[in-house]
């Protein structure tokens, strides 16, 4: 018995690294969908808002993140778009971060086809604008004074999705997924001022800072980090990158815990 334990304790560390790698890679390739019993109230509020929207409602989706924060935020955006498409909610996509444009292209490359959605009718992507504060202020009176064309140069006003859409009074709400402080602008200059429901998606490290907005009901809901994305995927029953990421972390942590416990027990026996 002691000989076996001694051999196991001296196992080549490369095998342990290989085992850890497999524990991370396998869930990423194929999400396991481990049970997620703790859905936060803030994530559930975002889900409930989208779930209760009337068919044909219009949602502003502001995607303001770049590749550095995409691992946490892109899964959130994917889950929101899937949910909106399922509910036949129209999506107007905006961005105030230049690095978001490629990620937006990636997001809408396949999803509309999966849900049989048509550009210009069910969703539209507006061009990148540099000054978020100026744009948000202008849209309060007339969106077409700042956005007269979509990102491809098509006349925005002539698109079916924009019928009866002039300013904030004509939309159901705003979801801003961001790795920047732009969510503060949406809350202060749109939500509070024009009584528009504003929700957010942020990185895990930024989540705590939005607590006061949540407490004052200035933010109607908040998705935080990859865990929040996994929770939302669980609610819409669509496992994705958020779920696979959390699965990988959970399994890797479990492996490390098992190895620590085994090592301590083995050392105790060998003494």
Protein backbone atom coordinates (compact mmCIF):
# COMPACT_ATOMS: atom_id res chain seq x y z
CA UNK A 1 0.00 0.00 0.00
CA UNK A 2 2.74 2.45 1.01
CA UNK A 3 4.77 1.58 -2.09
CA UNK A 4 1.81 2.43 -4.32
CA UNK A 5 1.26 5.75 -2.53
CA UNK A 6 4.94 6.65 -2.84
CA UNK A 7 4.86 5.97 -6.58
CA UNK A 8 1.71 8.07 -7.02
CA UNK A 9 3.24 10.97 -5.10
CA UNK A 10 6.28 10.85 -7.39
CA UNK A 11 4.29 10.73 -10.64
CA UNK A 12 5.70 12.94 -13.40
CA UNK A 13 4.08 16.38 -13.07
CA UNK A 14 3.60 16.47 -16.85
CA UNK A 15 0.86 13.85 -16.50
CA UNK A 16 -0.90 16.10 -14.02
CA UNK A 17 -0.64 19.05 -16.40
CA UNK A 18 -2.05 16.84 -19.18
CA UNK A 19 -4.94 15.79 -16.96
CA UNK A 20 -5.65 19.42 -16.05
CA UNK A 21 -5.53 20.40 -19.71
CA UNK A 22 -8.06 17.71 -20.62
CA UNK A 23 -10.36 18.89 -17.82
CA UNK A 24 -10.32 22.37 -19.33
CA UNK A 25 -10.38 21.53 -23.05
CA UNK A 26 -13.12 18.89 -23.10
CA UNK A 27 -15.88 21.10 -21.59
CA UNK A 28 -14.85 23.96 -23.91
CA UNK A 29 -15.22 21.73 -26.98
CA UNK A 30 -18.45 20.18 -25.75
CA UNK A 31 -20.28 21.97 -22.89
CA UNK A 32 -21.30 19.48 -20.21
CA UNK A 33 -24.10 21.67 -18.89
CA UNK A 34 -23.42 20.97 -15.24
CA UNK A 35 -26.45 21.82 -13.07
CA UNK A 36 -26.62 25.54 -12.30
CA UNK A 37 -28.73 25.83 -9.19
CA UNK A 38 -27.81 29.40 -8.27
CA UNK A 39 -29.29 31.89 -10.71
CA UNK A 40 -28.69 35.41 -9.46
CA UNK A 41 -31.64 37.75 -9.10
CA UNK A 42 -30.03 40.38 -11.32
CA UNK A 43 -29.55 37.93 -14.22
CA UNK A 44 -33.10 36.62 -13.76
CA UNK A 45 -34.39 40.19 -13.98
CA UNK A 46 -32.77 40.66 -17.39
CA UNK A 47 -34.20 37.33 -18.55
CA UNK A 48 -37.68 38.17 -17.25
CA UNK A 49 -37.62 41.54 -18.99
CA UNK A 50 -36.84 40.03 -22.39
CA UNK A 51 -39.16 37.09 -21.79
CA UNK A 52 -42.10 39.39 -21.06
CA UNK A 53 -41.61 41.69 -24.05
CA UNK A 54 -44.43 41.70 -26.55
CA UNK A 55 -43.76 40.16 -29.93
CA UNK A 56 -42.57 42.86 -32.33
CA UNK A 57 -41.13 45.07 -29.57
CA UNK A 58 -37.86 46.86 -30.32
CA UNK A 59 -34.81 46.50 -28.10
CA UNK A 60 -31.66 48.62 -28.28
CA UNK A 61 -28.61 46.38 -27.84
CA UNK A 62 -25.46 48.41 -27.26
CA UNK A 63 -22.37 46.19 -27.65
CA UNK A 64 -19.32 48.03 -26.37
CA UNK A 65 -16.52 45.56 -25.73
CA UNK A 66 -13.34 44.59 -27.54
CA UNK A 67 -11.36 41.31 -27.79
CA UNK A 68 -9.75 41.86 -24.38
CA UNK A 69 -13.10 41.47 -22.57
CA UNK A 70 -14.86 39.31 -25.19
CA UNK A 71 -14.34 35.98 -23.33
CA UNK A 72 -16.64 37.24 -20.57
CA UNK A 73 -18.97 39.50 -22.53
CA UNK A 74 -19.43 37.89 -25.95
CA UNK A 75 -21.29 34.86 -24.48
CA UNK A 76 -23.65 37.33 -22.79
CA UNK A 77 -24.36 39.03 -26.12
CA UNK A 78 -24.96 35.71 -27.86
CA UNK A 79 -27.44 34.62 -25.17
CA UNK A 80 -29.35 37.92 -25.32
CA UNK A 81 -29.62 37.80 -29.12
CA UNK A 82 -30.80 34.18 -29.06
CA UNK A 83 -33.44 35.01 -26.46
CA UNK A 84 -34.68 38.07 -28.35
CA UNK A 85 -34.88 36.15 -31.63
CA UNK A 86 -36.81 33.36 -29.90
CA UNK A 87 -39.31 35.90 -28.60
CA UNK A 88 -39.56 37.66 -32.00
CA UNK A 89 -38.21 40.85 -30.48
CA UNK A 90 -36.54 43.26 -32.93
CA UNK A 91 -32.95 44.29 -32.23
CA UNK A 92 -31.24 47.58 -33.06
CA UNK A 93 -27.50 47.12 -32.53
CA UNK A 94 -25.31 50.09 -31.59
CA UNK A 95 -21.67 50.43 -30.63
CA UNK A 96 -19.37 53.17 -29.36
CA UNK A 97 -16.19 51.06 -29.26
CA UNK A 98 -14.28 50.61 -32.52
CA UNK A 99 -13.01 47.20 -31.43
CA UNK A 100 -16.57 45.89 -31.20
CA UNK A 101 -17.30 45.99 -34.92
CA UNK A 102 -15.58 42.71 -35.77
CA UNK A 103 -17.19 40.95 -32.82
CA UNK A 104 -20.61 42.21 -33.92
CA UNK A 105 -19.97 40.79 -37.40
CA UNK A 106 -19.08 37.47 -35.81
CA UNK A 107 -22.18 37.54 -33.62
CA UNK A 108 -24.59 38.11 -36.49
CA UNK A 109 -22.85 35.91 -39.03
CA UNK A 110 -24.85 32.75 -38.23
CA UNK A 111 -27.45 33.47 -35.54
CA UNK A 112 -30.02 35.21 -37.80
CA UNK A 113 -30.02 32.23 -40.16
CA UNK A 114 -30.54 29.81 -37.27
CA UNK A 115 -33.65 31.72 -36.20
CA UNK A 116 -34.79 32.65 -39.71
CA UNK A 117 -34.38 36.38 -39.10
CA UNK A 118 -34.07 38.97 -41.84
CA UNK A 119 -31.76 41.97 -41.80
CA UNK A 120 -33.64 45.26 -41.92
CA UNK A 121 -36.84 43.61 -40.74
CA UNK A 122 -35.90 41.74 -37.55
CA UNK A 123 -32.56 43.34 -36.75
CA UNK A 124 -30.31 46.15 -37.93
CA UNK A 125 -26.72 47.11 -37.17
CA UNK A 126 -25.94 50.82 -36.89
CA UNK A 127 -22.47 52.25 -37.65
CA UNK A 128 -19.82 52.83 -35.01
CA UNK A 129 -20.00 56.26 -33.39
CA UNK A 130 -17.10 57.70 -31.40
CA UNK A 131 -18.85 60.09 -28.99
CA UNK A 132 -21.32 58.03 -27.00
CA UNK A 133 -22.59 60.87 -24.83
CA UNK A 134 -23.40 63.14 -27.77
CA UNK A 135 -25.17 60.33 -29.62
CA UNK A 136 -27.26 59.25 -26.62
CA UNK A 137 -28.34 62.84 -26.06
CA UNK A 138 -29.30 63.38 -29.70
CA UNK A 139 -31.35 60.18 -29.94
CA UNK A 140 -33.68 61.49 -27.26
CA UNK A 141 -35.33 63.76 -29.84
CA UNK A 142 -34.70 62.14 -33.21
CA UNK A 143 -32.54 59.11 -33.91
CA UNK A 144 -32.30 59.94 -37.63
CA UNK A 145 -30.42 63.18 -37.04
CA UNK A 146 -27.45 61.08 -35.93
CA UNK A 147 -28.17 57.75 -37.62
CA UNK A 148 -29.52 58.36 -41.10
CA UNK A 149 -27.97 55.17 -42.52
CA UNK A 150 -27.08 51.72 -41.25
CA UNK A 151 -23.48 50.48 -41.19
CA UNK A 152 -23.70 49.44 -44.87
CA UNK A 153 -24.96 52.84 -46.02
CA UNK A 154 -28.60 51.87 -46.48
CA UNK A 155 -31.31 54.41 -45.71
CA UNK A 156 -32.24 53.61 -42.12
CA UNK A 157 -35.61 55.33 -42.16
CA UNK A 158 -36.85 53.14 -45.00
CA UNK A 159 -36.18 49.86 -43.19
CA UNK A 160 -39.24 47.97 -41.88
CA UNK A 161 -37.63 47.53 -38.44
CA UNK A 162 -37.49 51.31 -37.97
CA UNK A 163 -41.16 51.90 -38.73
CA UNK A 164 -42.65 53.98 -35.90
CA UNK A 165 -39.21 54.34 -34.24
CA UNK A 166 -38.19 57.98 -33.75
CA UNK A 167 -36.71 58.24 -30.25
CA UNK A 168 -36.52 56.52 -26.87
CA UNK A 169 -40.28 56.64 -26.36
CA UNK A 170 -40.68 54.10 -29.15
CA UNK A 171 -38.45 51.35 -27.79
CA UNK A 172 -39.05 48.73 -25.08
CA UNK A 173 -35.68 49.04 -23.40
CA UNK A 174 -31.89 49.02 -23.62
CA UNK A 175 -29.34 46.33 -22.86
CA UNK A 176 -25.73 47.52 -22.80
CA UNK A 177 -23.01 44.87 -22.73
CA UNK A 178 -19.74 46.63 -22.09
CA UNK A 179 -16.23 46.46 -20.74
CA UNK A 180 -16.16 50.25 -20.39
CA UNK A 181 -18.04 52.93 -18.45
CA UNK A 182 -20.62 53.48 -21.19
CA UNK A 183 -23.29 51.75 -19.13
CA UNK A 184 -23.16 54.74 -16.76
CA UNK A 185 -24.13 56.98 -19.68
CA UNK A 186 -27.09 54.78 -20.59
CA UNK A 187 -28.29 54.87 -16.98
CA UNK A 188 -27.80 58.59 -16.38
CA UNK A 189 -28.67 60.09 -19.77
CA UNK A 190 -31.30 57.65 -21.01
CA UNK A 191 -32.74 55.48 -18.25
CA UNK A 192 -33.15 58.11 -15.56
CA UNK A 193 -33.93 61.01 -17.86
CA UNK A 194 -36.44 59.37 -20.21
CA UNK A 195 -37.73 56.51 -18.05
CA UNK A 196 -36.33 53.85 -20.37
CA UNK A 197 -35.62 50.43 -18.79
CA UNK A 198 -31.83 49.93 -18.89
CA UNK A 199 -30.05 46.64 -18.21
CA UNK A 200 -26.38 45.76 -18.44
CA UNK A 201 -23.79 43.08 -18.98
CA UNK A 202 -20.34 43.70 -17.49
CA UNK A 203 -17.15 41.90 -16.56
CA UNK A 204 -17.04 40.10 -13.23
CA UNK A 205 -14.56 42.59 -11.78
CA UNK A 206 -16.84 45.53 -12.69
CA UNK A 207 -20.03 43.96 -11.38
CA UNK A 208 -19.73 45.14 -7.78
CA UNK A 209 -19.43 48.77 -8.86
CA UNK A 210 -22.96 48.73 -10.26
CA UNK A 211 -24.52 47.69 -6.97
CA UNK A 212 -25.84 51.20 -6.18
CA UNK A 213 -27.62 51.38 -9.57
CA UNK A 214 -29.25 48.02 -8.85
CA UNK A 215 -30.29 49.05 -5.34
CA UNK A 216 -31.88 52.27 -6.62
CA UNK A 217 -33.57 50.37 -9.48
CA UNK A 218 -31.75 52.53 -12.01
CA UNK A 219 -30.52 49.29 -13.55
CA UNK A 220 -33.35 46.80 -14.00
CA UNK A 221 -30.96 43.86 -14.24
CA UNK A 222 -27.29 42.98 -14.62
CA UNK A 223 -25.32 40.07 -16.07
CA UNK A 224 -21.89 39.70 -14.50
CA UNK A 225 -18.98 37.96 -16.19
CA UNK A 226 -18.84 34.46 -17.58
CA UNK A 227 -20.86 33.09 -14.66
CA UNK A 228 -23.69 35.49 -15.51
CA UNK A 229 -23.53 34.37 -19.14
CA UNK A 230 -23.74 30.73 -18.04
CA UNK A 231 -26.75 31.53 -15.85
CA UNK A 232 -28.53 33.24 -18.74
CA UNK A 233 -27.75 30.31 -21.05
CA UNK A 234 -29.25 28.03 -18.43
CA UNK A 235 -32.43 30.12 -18.32
CA UNK A 236 -32.90 30.06 -22.10
CA UNK A 237 -31.80 26.39 -22.23
CA UNK A 238 -29.07 27.17 -24.78
CA UNK A 239 -25.64 26.05 -23.44
CA UNK A 240 -22.83 28.05 -25.00
CA UNK A 241 -19.41 29.52 -24.31
CA UNK A 242 -20.45 30.78 -20.89
CA UNK A 243 -21.57 27.32 -19.81
CA UNK A 244 -18.47 25.63 -21.24
CA UNK A 245 -16.20 28.17 -19.57
CA UNK A 246 -17.80 27.66 -16.15
CA UNK A 247 -17.81 23.87 -16.64
CA UNK A 248 -14.08 23.97 -17.39
CA UNK A 249 -13.35 26.11 -14.32
CA UNK A 250 -15.48 23.94 -12.04
CA UNK A 251 -13.92 20.67 -13.21
CA UNK A 252 -10.38 22.11 -13.02
CA UNK A 253 -11.02 23.35 -9.48
CA UNK A 254 -12.48 19.96 -8.53
CA UNK A 255 -9.40 18.18 -9.90
CA UNK A 256 -7.05 20.45 -7.92
CA UNK A 257 -9.13 19.88 -4.77
CA UNK A 258 -9.07 16.10 -5.22
CA UNK A 259 -5.29 16.11 -5.76
CA UNK A 260 -4.72 18.24 -2.64
CA UNK A 261 -6.90 15.97 -0.50
CA UNK A 262 -5.27 12.81 -1.89
CA UNK A 263 -1.75 14.17 -1.32
CA UNK A 264 -2.48 15.07 2.28
CA UNK A 265 -4.06 11.70 3.02
CA UNK A 266 -1.15 9.86 1.36
CA UNK A 267 1.44 11.83 3.33
CA UNK A 268 -0.46 11.16 6.56
CA UNK A 269 -0.48 7.39 5.87
CA UNK A 270 3.20 7.33 4.92
CA UNK A 271 4.16 8.96 8.21
